[in-house]
């Protein structure tokens, strides 16, 4: 008889532990979701900063988290890449050729690859837009390196050149933003 009571008590305790654990897990998940939503509303990037920017840690007393600032050594290289894109028949090859002189390298110290260059040239972050497949695109609160017009022009050059085509998501994001601007008028 006592073993049945012990077994029932143990089962009840296990079920109670599982319930509390599930509640705790759901509460954490909801808090993370709310924190990310707040970051998006503030125009903050969730994740690592792209080439040309630096993630820095803020003073814990002022603000818990990170701040993204322009990398003074690499931000001008990003602008130069976009300028080269405008005036080259094969923009990727032209940028790759000029990179050793520009000292454009990734965090590992190696020169940027073709795909990394393409990622820079198709990233709307540089003109003030964060692209998110899950949550759409939104304006960010960081310094911009280029104008939206320069990004648009480079997209057209890349589409018409023999270089790799930019990803669909960037084109659709730019179309989406253009539609939004027209709707606001």
Protein backbone atom coordinates (compact mmCIF):
# COMPACT_ATOMS: atom_id res chain seq x y z
CA UNK A 1 0.00 0.00 0.00
CA UNK A 2 2.78 2.43 0.88
CA UNK A 3 4.59 1.78 -2.40
CA UNK A 4 1.45 2.80 -4.30
CA UNK A 5 1.29 6.06 -2.28
CA UNK A 6 5.00 6.69 -2.91
CA UNK A 7 4.59 5.93 -6.61
CA UNK A 8 1.55 8.23 -6.85
CA UNK A 9 3.39 10.97 -4.96
CA UNK A 10 6.47 10.63 -7.19
CA UNK A 11 4.35 10.72 -10.34
CA UNK A 12 2.55 13.81 -9.09
CA UNK A 13 5.87 15.51 -8.26
CA UNK A 14 7.30 14.64 -11.70
CA UNK A 15 4.20 16.01 -13.42
CA UNK A 16 4.39 19.18 -11.34
CA UNK A 17 8.10 19.64 -12.20
CA UNK A 18 7.31 19.21 -15.91
CA UNK A 19 4.52 21.77 -15.69
CA UNK A 20 6.73 24.34 -13.94
CA UNK A 21 9.54 23.71 -16.44
CA UNK A 22 7.18 24.17 -19.39
CA UNK A 23 5.83 27.41 -17.91
CA UNK A 24 9.37 28.71 -17.34
CA UNK A 25 10.41 27.78 -20.89
CA UNK A 26 7.35 29.49 -22.40
CA UNK A 27 7.91 32.61 -20.29
CA UNK A 28 11.54 32.88 -21.47
CA UNK A 29 10.48 32.34 -25.08
CA UNK A 30 7.87 35.10 -24.84
CA UNK A 31 10.36 37.50 -23.22
CA UNK A 32 12.90 36.90 -26.00
CA UNK A 33 10.21 37.42 -28.67
CA UNK A 34 9.17 40.72 -27.05
CA UNK A 35 12.79 41.87 -26.74
CA UNK A 36 13.44 41.19 -30.45
CA UNK A 37 10.23 42.98 -31.42
CA UNK A 38 11.30 46.01 -29.36
CA UNK A 39 14.72 45.98 -31.06
CA UNK A 40 13.03 45.95 -34.47
CA UNK A 41 10.78 48.89 -33.47
CA UNK A 42 13.88 50.82 -32.39
CA UNK A 43 15.56 50.00 -35.72
CA UNK A 44 18.26 47.91 -34.10
CA UNK A 45 20.01 45.02 -35.82
CA UNK A 46 19.57 41.57 -34.34
CA UNK A 47 22.83 39.78 -35.06
CA UNK A 48 26.28 40.71 -36.29
CA UNK A 49 27.06 43.95 -38.03
CA UNK A 50 27.94 43.68 -41.74
CA UNK A 51 31.33 44.49 -43.28
CA UNK A 52 32.08 48.19 -42.75
CA UNK A 53 30.54 48.30 -39.27
CA UNK A 54 31.73 47.16 -35.84
CA UNK A 55 29.78 45.62 -32.95
CA UNK A 56 30.83 47.29 -29.70
CA UNK A 57 29.76 46.61 -26.14
CA UNK A 58 28.10 49.46 -24.34
CA UNK A 59 28.88 50.46 -20.78
CA UNK A 60 26.78 48.16 -18.59
CA UNK A 61 25.67 51.10 -16.42
CA UNK A 62 24.26 53.06 -19.38
CA UNK A 63 22.75 50.35 -21.58
CA UNK A 64 22.92 46.60 -21.58
CA UNK A 65 23.71 45.35 -25.04
CA UNK A 66 25.66 46.31 -28.08
CA UNK A 67 26.05 49.31 -30.30
CA UNK A 68 26.94 49.22 -33.98
CA UNK A 69 29.28 51.93 -35.22
CA UNK A 70 31.00 52.65 -38.52
CA UNK A 71 34.38 51.01 -38.95
CA UNK A 72 36.49 54.00 -39.97
CA UNK A 73 38.96 51.78 -41.81
CA UNK A 74 36.41 49.75 -43.80
CA UNK A 75 33.34 51.96 -44.27
CA UNK A 76 35.04 54.02 -46.97
CA UNK A 77 35.90 50.73 -48.74
CA UNK A 78 32.21 49.83 -48.86
CA UNK A 79 31.45 53.17 -50.50
CA UNK A 80 34.33 52.62 -52.96
CA UNK A 81 32.94 49.17 -53.85
CA UNK A 82 29.61 50.73 -54.76
CA UNK A 83 31.35 53.43 -56.80
CA UNK A 84 33.37 50.80 -58.68
CA UNK A 85 30.17 48.89 -59.31
CA UNK A 86 28.73 51.91 -61.14
CA UNK A 87 31.61 52.34 -63.57
CA UNK A 88 32.66 48.77 -64.37
CA UNK A 89 31.53 46.28 -66.98
CA UNK A 90 32.27 43.44 -64.56
CA UNK A 91 31.92 45.08 -61.11
CA UNK A 92 32.93 42.04 -59.07
CA UNK A 93 36.15 41.54 -61.05
CA UNK A 94 36.98 45.26 -60.84
CA UNK A 95 36.49 45.31 -57.07
CA UNK A 96 38.47 42.08 -56.64
CA UNK A 97 41.33 43.58 -58.69
CA UNK A 98 41.45 46.76 -56.62
CA UNK A 99 41.01 45.08 -53.22
CA UNK A 100 44.69 44.56 -52.33
CA UNK A 101 45.26 48.32 -52.75
CA UNK A 102 42.07 49.08 -50.80
CA UNK A 103 43.10 46.62 -48.07
CA UNK A 104 39.60 45.16 -48.06
CA UNK A 105 39.79 42.04 -45.99
CA UNK A 106 37.47 39.96 -43.86
CA UNK A 107 37.92 39.40 -40.10
CA UNK A 108 40.26 36.47 -40.84
CA UNK A 109 42.63 38.79 -42.71
CA UNK A 110 41.96 37.29 -46.15
CA UNK A 111 40.71 39.33 -49.09
CA UNK A 112 36.96 39.35 -49.58
CA UNK A 113 35.67 36.57 -51.81
CA UNK A 114 33.34 37.12 -54.81
CA UNK A 115 30.36 36.03 -52.71
CA UNK A 116 31.32 38.41 -49.87
CA UNK A 117 31.63 41.28 -52.35
CA UNK A 118 28.25 40.36 -53.80
CA UNK A 119 26.78 40.29 -50.30
CA UNK A 120 28.06 43.84 -49.73
CA UNK A 121 26.70 45.10 -53.06
CA UNK A 122 23.25 43.61 -52.45
CA UNK A 123 22.88 44.46 -48.77
CA UNK A 124 20.36 47.27 -48.18
CA UNK A 125 21.80 47.78 -44.65
CA UNK A 126 24.33 50.22 -46.12
CA UNK A 127 21.53 52.62 -47.15
CA UNK A 128 19.59 52.32 -43.89
CA UNK A 129 17.39 49.25 -44.33
CA UNK A 130 17.47 45.96 -42.44
CA UNK A 131 16.17 43.07 -44.53
CA UNK A 132 14.48 40.26 -42.65
CA UNK A 133 12.76 37.41 -44.44
CA UNK A 134 10.73 36.54 -41.34
CA UNK A 135 9.70 40.09 -40.35
CA UNK A 136 9.97 42.14 -43.54
CA UNK A 137 12.27 45.09 -43.97
CA UNK A 138 12.57 48.08 -41.67
CA UNK A 139 14.75 51.18 -41.33
CA UNK A 140 17.64 51.00 -38.92
CA UNK A 141 19.02 53.60 -36.52
CA UNK A 142 22.69 53.40 -37.54
CA UNK A 143 24.84 55.62 -39.75
CA UNK A 144 24.38 55.01 -43.46
CA UNK A 145 27.32 54.56 -45.80
CA UNK A 146 25.50 55.03 -49.12
CA UNK A 147 22.21 56.44 -50.40
CA UNK A 148 19.26 54.33 -51.51
CA UNK A 149 19.70 55.75 -55.01
CA UNK A 150 23.27 54.42 -55.17
CA UNK A 151 22.11 50.98 -54.03
CA UNK A 152 19.30 50.99 -56.61
CA UNK A 153 21.69 52.00 -59.40
CA UNK A 154 24.17 49.29 -58.40
CA UNK A 155 21.36 46.72 -58.43
CA UNK A 156 20.54 47.73 -62.00
CA UNK A 157 24.21 47.49 -63.00
CA UNK A 158 24.53 44.06 -61.41
CA UNK A 159 21.37 42.85 -63.14
CA UNK A 160 22.66 44.00 -66.52
CA UNK A 161 26.27 42.84 -66.04
CA UNK A 162 27.68 39.39 -66.50
CA UNK A 163 28.33 39.24 -62.74
CA UNK A 164 26.39 37.08 -60.37
CA UNK A 165 22.78 38.21 -60.07
CA UNK A 166 21.76 39.67 -56.71
CA UNK A 167 19.51 37.56 -54.57
CA UNK A 168 15.76 37.84 -55.15
CA UNK A 169 15.11 38.96 -51.61
CA UNK A 170 17.04 42.23 -52.09
CA UNK A 171 15.16 43.05 -55.29
CA UNK A 172 11.83 42.25 -53.65
CA UNK A 173 12.75 44.32 -50.59
CA UNK A 174 13.60 47.32 -52.74
CA UNK A 175 10.34 46.92 -54.66
CA UNK A 176 8.46 46.63 -51.36
CA UNK A 177 10.04 49.85 -50.05
CA UNK A 178 9.26 51.69 -53.29
CA UNK A 179 5.63 50.55 -53.06
CA UNK A 180 5.49 51.68 -49.41
CA UNK A 181 6.85 55.13 -50.30
CA UNK A 182 4.28 55.51 -53.09
CA UNK A 183 1.46 54.44 -50.74
CA UNK A 184 2.51 57.02 -48.12
CA UNK A 185 2.14 59.87 -50.65
